N, C-alpha and C. Protein backbone atom coordinates (compact mmCIF):
# COMPACT_ATOMS: atom_id res chain seq x y z
N MET A 1 23.35 36.06 14.03
CA MET A 1 23.51 34.92 15.15
C MET A 1 24.95 34.63 15.29
N LEU A 2 25.71 34.50 14.10
CA LEU A 2 27.15 34.15 14.31
C LEU A 2 28.01 35.07 15.14
N GLY A 3 27.58 36.37 15.13
CA GLY A 3 28.16 37.49 15.86
C GLY A 3 27.99 37.39 17.35
N ILE A 4 26.85 36.84 17.69
CA ILE A 4 26.38 36.54 19.04
C ILE A 4 27.26 35.35 19.64
N CYS A 5 27.28 34.27 18.81
CA CYS A 5 27.96 33.18 19.14
C CYS A 5 29.57 33.45 19.37
N ARG A 6 30.13 34.29 18.41
CA ARG A 6 31.54 34.65 18.38
C ARG A 6 31.84 35.54 19.61
N ARG A 7 30.89 36.26 20.22
CA ARG A 7 31.21 37.08 21.31
C ARG A 7 31.75 36.09 22.51
N TYR A 8 31.25 34.86 22.48
CA TYR A 8 31.45 34.01 23.51
C TYR A 8 32.64 32.97 23.30
N ILE A 9 32.58 32.75 22.02
CA ILE A 9 33.62 31.57 21.39
C ILE A 9 34.58 32.19 20.51
N ASN A 10 35.73 32.18 20.90
CA ASN A 10 36.93 32.81 20.06
C ASN A 10 37.05 32.03 18.74
N ASN A 11 36.93 30.68 18.86
CA ASN A 11 37.24 29.99 17.54
C ASN A 11 35.92 30.10 16.50
N LEU A 12 36.46 30.58 15.31
CA LEU A 12 35.28 30.70 14.40
C LEU A 12 34.64 29.46 13.92
N ALA A 13 35.32 28.38 13.90
CA ALA A 13 34.77 27.13 13.40
C ALA A 13 33.74 26.59 14.43
N ASP A 14 34.16 26.84 15.81
CA ASP A 14 33.44 26.33 16.94
C ASP A 14 32.20 27.28 17.06
N ALA A 15 32.34 28.44 16.71
CA ALA A 15 31.17 29.43 16.79
C ALA A 15 30.09 29.07 15.60
N GLU A 16 30.72 28.71 14.58
CA GLU A 16 29.72 28.29 13.43
C GLU A 16 29.05 26.95 13.83
N ASP A 17 29.63 26.05 14.37
CA ASP A 17 28.92 25.05 14.87
C ASP A 17 27.96 25.23 15.84
N ILE A 18 28.24 26.00 16.83
CA ILE A 18 27.25 26.46 17.79
C ILE A 18 26.10 27.19 17.25
N MET A 19 26.30 28.07 16.24
CA MET A 19 25.12 28.69 15.58
C MET A 19 24.34 27.63 14.78
N ILE A 20 24.91 26.63 14.17
CA ILE A 20 24.15 25.73 13.44
C ILE A 20 23.25 24.91 14.41
N ASN A 21 23.91 24.52 15.52
CA ASN A 21 23.18 23.92 16.67
C ASN A 21 21.91 24.79 17.03
N GLY A 22 22.18 25.90 17.29
CA GLY A 22 21.17 26.81 17.77
C GLY A 22 20.14 27.00 16.76
N PHE A 23 20.48 27.09 15.59
CA PHE A 23 19.37 27.01 14.61
C PHE A 23 18.52 25.76 14.41
N MET A 24 19.26 24.73 14.76
CA MET A 24 18.49 23.52 14.76
C MET A 24 17.42 23.53 15.94
N LYS A 25 17.89 23.98 17.13
CA LYS A 25 17.16 23.99 18.25
C LYS A 25 15.88 24.86 17.96
N ILE A 26 16.25 26.06 17.34
CA ILE A 26 15.11 26.99 17.01
C ILE A 26 14.04 26.27 16.15
N PHE A 27 14.65 25.65 15.11
CA PHE A 27 13.63 24.76 14.24
C PHE A 27 12.71 23.87 15.05
N GLU A 28 13.46 23.08 15.87
CA GLU A 28 12.88 21.93 16.64
C GLU A 28 11.85 22.53 17.75
N ARG A 29 12.23 23.67 18.08
CA ARG A 29 11.31 24.29 19.19
C ARG A 29 10.50 25.51 18.87
N ILE A 30 10.27 25.76 17.53
CA ILE A 30 9.52 26.88 16.98
C ILE A 30 8.16 27.02 17.55
N ASN A 31 7.62 25.66 17.76
CA ASN A 31 6.33 25.71 18.52
C ASN A 31 6.16 26.24 19.84
N GLN A 32 7.38 26.34 20.58
CA GLN A 32 7.50 26.77 21.89
C GLN A 32 7.52 28.37 21.92
N PHE A 33 7.76 28.97 20.91
CA PHE A 33 7.88 30.47 20.99
C PHE A 33 6.24 30.83 21.04
N GLN A 34 6.19 31.65 22.27
CA GLN A 34 4.75 32.02 22.41
C GLN A 34 4.27 33.40 22.01
N GLY A 35 5.31 34.03 21.41
CA GLY A 35 4.87 35.38 20.82
C GLY A 35 4.86 36.56 21.84
N THR A 36 5.36 36.33 23.12
CA THR A 36 5.55 37.44 24.15
C THR A 36 6.85 37.77 23.95
N GLY A 37 7.13 38.89 23.40
CA GLY A 37 8.47 39.48 23.07
C GLY A 37 8.83 39.15 21.70
N SER A 38 10.10 39.59 21.31
CA SER A 38 10.47 39.52 19.85
C SER A 38 10.92 38.11 19.52
N PHE A 39 10.77 37.72 18.29
CA PHE A 39 11.18 36.58 17.88
C PHE A 39 12.59 36.45 17.87
N GLU A 40 13.43 37.55 17.54
CA GLU A 40 14.75 37.69 17.64
C GLU A 40 15.36 37.56 18.76
N GLY A 41 14.64 38.09 19.86
CA GLY A 41 15.18 37.95 21.20
C GLY A 41 15.15 36.57 21.64
N TRP A 42 14.20 35.79 21.23
CA TRP A 42 13.99 34.36 21.61
C TRP A 42 15.21 33.59 21.00
N MET A 43 15.50 34.00 19.74
CA MET A 43 16.56 33.28 18.95
C MET A 43 17.92 33.72 19.66
N VAL A 44 18.15 34.81 19.97
CA VAL A 44 19.26 35.21 20.57
C VAL A 44 19.61 34.55 22.03
N ARG A 45 18.53 34.43 22.84
CA ARG A 45 18.54 33.50 24.04
C ARG A 45 19.15 32.18 23.65
N ILE A 46 18.45 31.56 22.70
CA ILE A 46 19.01 30.27 22.28
C ILE A 46 20.45 30.26 21.89
N MET A 47 20.95 31.08 21.17
CA MET A 47 22.13 31.28 20.77
C MET A 47 23.16 31.50 21.89
N VAL A 48 22.76 32.28 22.86
CA VAL A 48 23.55 32.43 23.91
C VAL A 48 23.68 31.32 24.79
N ASN A 49 22.52 30.69 25.13
CA ASN A 49 22.36 29.30 25.81
C ASN A 49 23.25 28.31 25.16
N GLU A 50 23.13 28.24 23.98
CA GLU A 50 24.20 27.23 23.24
C GLU A 50 25.72 27.49 23.42
N SER A 51 25.97 28.78 23.42
CA SER A 51 27.43 29.18 23.61
C SER A 51 27.74 28.94 24.92
N LEU A 52 26.92 29.13 26.03
CA LEU A 52 27.30 28.79 27.40
C LEU A 52 27.42 27.37 27.73
N THR A 53 26.65 26.57 27.03
CA THR A 53 26.68 25.01 27.08
C THR A 53 28.02 24.72 26.61
N PHE A 54 28.29 25.18 25.57
CA PHE A 54 29.81 24.77 24.75
C PHE A 54 30.82 25.13 25.85
N ILE A 55 30.81 26.38 26.43
CA ILE A 55 31.82 26.64 27.39
C ILE A 55 31.88 25.95 28.44
N ARG A 56 30.69 25.50 29.18
CA ARG A 56 30.84 24.62 30.15
C ARG A 56 31.27 23.30 29.92
N ARG A 57 31.04 22.90 28.71
CA ARG A 57 31.73 21.41 28.51
C ARG A 57 33.06 21.55 28.08
N ASN A 58 33.59 22.58 27.42
CA ASN A 58 34.87 22.63 26.73
C ASN A 58 35.99 23.60 27.51
N LYS A 59 35.42 24.49 28.37
CA LYS A 59 36.42 25.36 28.90
C LYS A 59 36.27 25.40 30.44
N ASN A 60 37.27 25.92 31.12
CA ASN A 60 37.40 26.12 32.47
C ASN A 60 36.72 27.38 32.80
N MET A 61 35.49 27.18 33.51
CA MET A 61 34.81 28.47 34.01
C MET A 61 35.25 28.96 35.37
N SER A 62 36.27 28.51 35.93
CA SER A 62 36.63 28.94 37.36
C SER A 62 37.05 30.40 37.30
N VAL A 63 37.06 30.90 38.44
CA VAL A 63 37.49 32.35 38.40
C VAL A 63 38.99 32.43 38.03
N GLU A 64 39.40 33.27 37.21
CA GLU A 64 40.76 33.60 36.70
C GLU A 64 41.54 34.46 37.75
N VAL A 65 42.84 34.48 37.41
CA VAL A 65 43.61 35.26 38.16
C VAL A 65 43.30 36.81 38.16
N SER A 66 43.40 37.36 39.27
CA SER A 66 43.03 38.79 39.24
C SER A 66 44.12 39.66 38.94
N LEU A 67 43.96 41.01 38.60
CA LEU A 67 44.80 41.94 38.16
C LEU A 67 45.10 42.69 39.58
N GLU A 68 46.33 42.29 40.20
CA GLU A 68 46.46 42.94 41.63
C GLU A 68 46.68 44.31 41.79
N LYS A 69 47.59 44.83 40.89
CA LYS A 69 47.87 46.26 41.25
C LYS A 69 46.96 47.35 40.52
N ALA A 70 46.65 48.33 41.30
CA ALA A 70 45.64 49.41 40.58
C ALA A 70 46.22 50.11 39.54
N GLU A 71 45.55 50.43 38.48
CA GLU A 71 46.15 51.08 37.42
C GLU A 71 45.24 52.38 37.16
N PRO A 72 46.04 53.32 36.52
CA PRO A 72 45.43 54.58 36.25
C PRO A 72 44.55 54.40 35.20
N GLU A 73 43.57 55.20 35.23
CA GLU A 73 42.33 55.33 33.95
C GLU A 73 43.08 55.59 32.79
N PRO A 74 42.68 54.80 31.72
CA PRO A 74 43.07 55.32 30.36
C PRO A 74 42.45 56.64 29.97
N ASP A 75 43.12 57.40 29.06
CA ASP A 75 42.66 58.62 28.43
C ASP A 75 41.62 58.22 27.51
N TYR A 76 40.32 58.15 27.95
CA TYR A 76 39.26 57.55 27.10
C TYR A 76 39.08 58.56 25.88
N SER A 77 39.25 59.88 26.05
CA SER A 77 39.15 60.92 24.86
C SER A 77 40.12 60.60 23.82
N PHE A 78 41.39 60.29 24.30
CA PHE A 78 42.52 59.85 23.21
C PHE A 78 42.12 58.61 22.71
N MET A 79 41.65 57.53 23.38
CA MET A 79 41.45 56.36 22.87
C MET A 79 40.08 56.28 21.93
N HIS A 80 39.16 57.14 22.23
CA HIS A 80 37.97 57.43 21.25
C HIS A 80 38.38 57.78 19.86
N THR A 81 39.48 58.66 19.78
CA THR A 81 39.75 59.02 18.46
C THR A 81 40.91 58.13 17.77
N ASN A 82 41.56 57.34 18.57
CA ASN A 82 42.62 56.61 18.07
C ASN A 82 42.54 54.93 18.24
N LEU A 83 41.53 54.46 18.65
CA LEU A 83 41.12 53.20 18.67
C LEU A 83 39.99 52.75 17.98
N ASP A 84 40.23 51.59 17.13
CA ASP A 84 38.99 51.26 16.36
C ASP A 84 38.30 50.00 16.93
N THR A 85 37.29 49.77 16.25
CA THR A 85 36.25 48.81 16.91
C THR A 85 37.08 47.40 16.97
N ASP A 86 37.69 47.19 15.90
CA ASP A 86 38.40 45.75 15.73
C ASP A 86 39.18 45.58 16.78
N GLN A 87 40.17 46.69 17.42
CA GLN A 87 41.13 46.66 18.29
C GLN A 87 40.25 46.16 19.68
N LEU A 88 39.26 46.79 19.79
CA LEU A 88 38.33 46.76 21.15
C LEU A 88 37.88 45.28 21.16
N LEU A 89 37.32 44.80 20.06
CA LEU A 89 36.83 43.37 20.05
C LEU A 89 37.77 42.38 20.21
N LYS A 90 39.09 42.61 19.72
CA LYS A 90 40.35 41.80 19.92
C LYS A 90 40.47 41.63 21.37
N ILE A 91 40.60 42.78 22.08
CA ILE A 91 40.83 42.97 23.45
C ILE A 91 39.76 41.90 24.25
N ILE A 92 38.58 42.26 23.98
CA ILE A 92 37.52 41.34 24.48
C ILE A 92 37.63 39.88 24.14
N ASP A 93 38.05 39.69 22.86
CA ASP A 93 38.29 38.13 22.48
C ASP A 93 39.32 37.59 23.22
N GLU A 94 40.31 38.31 23.69
CA GLU A 94 41.44 37.73 24.38
C GLU A 94 41.39 37.61 25.97
N MET A 95 40.09 38.01 26.37
CA MET A 95 40.07 38.04 27.92
C MET A 95 39.88 36.57 28.36
N PRO A 96 40.17 36.12 29.52
CA PRO A 96 40.00 34.84 29.98
C PRO A 96 38.56 34.55 30.03
N VAL A 97 38.10 33.14 29.75
CA VAL A 97 36.78 32.71 29.44
C VAL A 97 35.77 33.37 30.43
N GLY A 98 36.00 33.20 31.76
CA GLY A 98 35.15 33.68 32.88
C GLY A 98 34.94 35.13 32.71
N TYR A 99 35.96 35.89 32.53
CA TYR A 99 35.78 37.26 32.30
C TYR A 99 34.95 37.85 31.22
N GLN A 100 35.27 37.00 29.96
CA GLN A 100 34.50 37.26 28.78
C GLN A 100 33.20 37.02 28.78
N THR A 101 32.69 35.84 29.27
CA THR A 101 31.48 35.43 29.28
C THR A 101 30.54 36.19 30.27
N VAL A 102 31.04 36.61 31.55
CA VAL A 102 30.21 37.45 32.28
C VAL A 102 30.12 38.82 31.69
N PHE A 103 31.23 39.35 31.18
CA PHE A 103 31.18 40.54 30.40
C PHE A 103 30.11 40.69 29.37
N ASN A 104 30.22 39.62 28.45
CA ASN A 104 29.22 39.66 27.40
C ASN A 104 27.76 39.63 27.74
N LEU A 105 27.57 38.75 28.83
CA LEU A 105 26.27 38.63 29.34
C LEU A 105 25.61 39.81 30.14
N TYR A 106 26.57 40.54 30.76
CA TYR A 106 26.18 41.60 31.46
C TYR A 106 25.98 42.84 30.67
N VAL A 107 27.15 43.34 29.89
CA VAL A 107 27.25 44.45 29.21
C VAL A 107 26.58 44.26 27.82
N MET A 108 26.91 43.09 27.07
CA MET A 108 26.17 43.18 25.62
C MET A 108 24.65 42.69 25.73
N GLU A 109 24.48 41.67 26.63
CA GLU A 109 23.04 40.95 26.55
C GLU A 109 22.16 41.80 27.59
N GLY A 110 22.70 42.22 28.56
CA GLY A 110 21.92 43.10 29.60
C GLY A 110 21.32 42.17 30.78
N TYR A 111 21.72 41.00 30.94
CA TYR A 111 21.36 40.15 31.92
C TYR A 111 21.79 40.71 33.35
N SER A 112 21.29 40.50 34.29
CA SER A 112 21.48 40.70 35.65
C SER A 112 22.44 39.80 36.29
N HIS A 113 23.19 40.12 37.37
CA HIS A 113 24.22 39.20 37.89
C HIS A 113 23.30 38.07 38.51
N LYS A 114 22.18 38.17 38.96
CA LYS A 114 21.41 37.08 39.51
C LYS A 114 21.21 36.30 38.29
N ASP A 115 20.74 36.74 37.21
CA ASP A 115 20.45 35.86 36.09
C ASP A 115 21.76 34.98 35.77
N ILE A 116 22.85 35.88 35.66
CA ILE A 116 24.15 35.20 35.14
C ILE A 116 24.51 34.20 36.03
N GLY A 117 24.42 34.44 37.27
CA GLY A 117 24.86 33.36 38.32
C GLY A 117 23.86 32.10 37.92
N LYS A 118 22.53 32.21 37.90
CA LYS A 118 21.81 30.94 37.51
C LYS A 118 22.31 30.35 36.14
N MET A 119 22.66 31.09 35.16
CA MET A 119 22.88 30.58 34.02
C MET A 119 24.35 29.81 33.94
N LEU A 120 25.23 30.53 34.86
CA LEU A 120 26.52 29.78 34.69
C LEU A 120 26.69 28.79 35.91
N ASP A 121 25.75 28.78 36.94
CA ASP A 121 25.95 27.97 37.97
C ASP A 121 27.00 28.58 39.03
N ILE A 122 26.94 29.84 39.09
CA ILE A 122 28.03 30.54 39.99
C ILE A 122 27.08 31.45 40.94
N SER A 123 27.77 31.86 41.97
CA SER A 123 26.94 32.85 42.72
C SER A 123 26.94 34.34 42.07
N GLU A 124 26.00 35.05 42.73
CA GLU A 124 25.89 36.43 42.21
C GLU A 124 27.06 37.27 42.45
N GLY A 125 27.78 37.11 43.62
CA GLY A 125 29.02 37.59 44.00
C GLY A 125 30.10 37.25 42.98
N ALA A 126 30.13 36.10 42.66
CA ALA A 126 31.17 35.59 41.67
C ALA A 126 30.91 36.39 40.30
N SER A 127 29.62 36.54 39.77
CA SER A 127 29.50 37.18 38.64
C SER A 127 29.93 38.55 38.69
N LYS A 128 29.63 39.25 39.76
CA LYS A 128 29.98 40.52 40.01
C LYS A 128 31.52 40.70 39.91
N SER A 129 32.20 39.78 40.72
CA SER A 129 33.59 39.83 40.75
C SER A 129 34.19 39.53 39.40
N GLN A 130 33.79 38.57 38.54
CA GLN A 130 34.33 38.42 37.21
C GLN A 130 34.07 39.71 36.21
N LEU A 131 32.94 40.47 36.46
CA LEU A 131 32.68 41.67 35.72
C LEU A 131 33.77 42.65 36.23
N SER A 132 33.90 42.79 37.40
CA SER A 132 34.94 43.78 38.00
C SER A 132 36.27 43.51 37.36
N ARG A 133 36.57 42.10 37.26
CA ARG A 133 38.10 41.76 36.67
C ARG A 133 38.02 41.94 35.30
N ALA A 134 36.98 41.76 34.50
CA ALA A 134 36.93 41.93 33.23
C ALA A 134 37.14 43.45 32.93
N LYS A 135 36.56 44.27 33.69
CA LYS A 135 36.68 45.76 33.54
C LYS A 135 38.18 46.09 33.77
N ALA A 136 38.79 45.44 34.84
CA ALA A 136 40.11 46.02 35.19
C ALA A 136 41.07 45.36 34.07
N TYR A 137 40.72 44.24 33.53
CA TYR A 137 41.58 43.54 32.40
C TYR A 137 41.33 44.56 31.30
N LEU A 138 40.18 45.06 30.91
CA LEU A 138 40.05 45.84 29.68
C LEU A 138 40.65 47.09 29.91
N ARG A 139 40.70 47.78 31.10
CA ARG A 139 41.45 48.98 31.44
C ARG A 139 42.83 48.90 31.17
N HIS A 140 43.42 47.71 31.67
CA HIS A 140 44.84 47.40 31.68
C HIS A 140 45.35 47.41 30.28
N GLN A 141 44.49 46.66 29.36
CA GLN A 141 44.87 46.66 28.02
C GLN A 141 44.61 47.76 27.22
N LEU A 142 43.70 48.70 27.59
CA LEU A 142 43.54 49.92 26.91
C LEU A 142 44.73 50.88 27.25
N LEU A 143 45.20 50.75 28.59
CA LEU A 143 46.48 51.48 28.86
C LEU A 143 47.59 51.20 27.94
N ILE A 144 47.84 49.84 27.86
CA ILE A 144 48.98 49.40 27.04
C ILE A 144 48.91 50.03 25.60
N ILE A 145 47.65 50.04 24.98
CA ILE A 145 47.30 50.46 23.72
C ILE A 145 47.55 51.99 23.73
N GLU A 146 47.12 52.64 24.69
CA GLU A 146 47.31 54.08 24.75
C GLU A 146 48.81 54.56 24.88
N GLN A 147 49.61 53.76 25.56
CA GLN A 147 51.01 53.89 25.54
C GLN A 147 51.60 53.84 24.33
N GLU A 148 51.25 52.82 23.70
CA GLU A 148 51.81 52.41 22.40
C GLU A 148 51.40 53.43 21.11
N LEU A 149 50.36 54.03 21.26
CA LEU A 149 49.74 55.01 20.39
C LEU A 149 50.44 56.30 20.58
N LYS A 150 50.57 56.63 21.74
CA LYS A 150 51.12 57.93 22.19
C LYS A 150 52.72 58.02 21.76
N LYS A 151 53.24 56.75 21.96
CA LYS A 151 54.58 56.62 21.68
C LYS A 151 54.89 56.81 20.29
N LYS A 152 53.98 56.11 19.50
CA LYS A 152 54.11 56.15 17.92
C LYS A 152 53.89 57.73 17.45
N SER A 153 52.84 58.27 18.17
CA SER A 153 52.68 59.81 17.64
C SER A 153 53.84 60.67 17.97
N HIS A 154 54.51 60.51 19.01
CA HIS A 154 55.71 61.27 19.40
C HIS A 154 56.91 60.98 18.39
N GLU A 155 56.97 59.62 17.94
CA GLU A 155 58.05 59.42 17.05
C GLU A 155 57.76 60.07 15.60
N LYS A 156 56.70 60.46 15.26
CA LYS A 156 56.52 61.09 13.95
C LYS A 156 57.04 62.52 13.80
């Protein structure tokens, strides 16, 4: 559950607090679990909601600055063999809050843009826009890493 909270909250101490609050809610509301679906899925939803509540209270959820210029696509085959999971998670961790939140809800949790809009109190279009910008941000960062890796391999 800590991993779920960390996907939304960059600070480990805050993520731990959110996880503890989430477990408190789970224990307080265990009688509300109706057995339709998995217990783990129910717990995950509580952790996600706790994380989103924290973001709404403590972070600016406004639409972030967009990446204006179109960039070429990274060489994903090169990246597949030269990029490790920690580097990718670090890129996601460094995304602006709005991008990261929508990216996690859509890509990692599988929510629809309609559901994300309701959860974050934004329009469905804003959710789609944030996801598009998150993907552009990710591509941009991957291009930078690709260039650095290729430069290092040529120096050898």
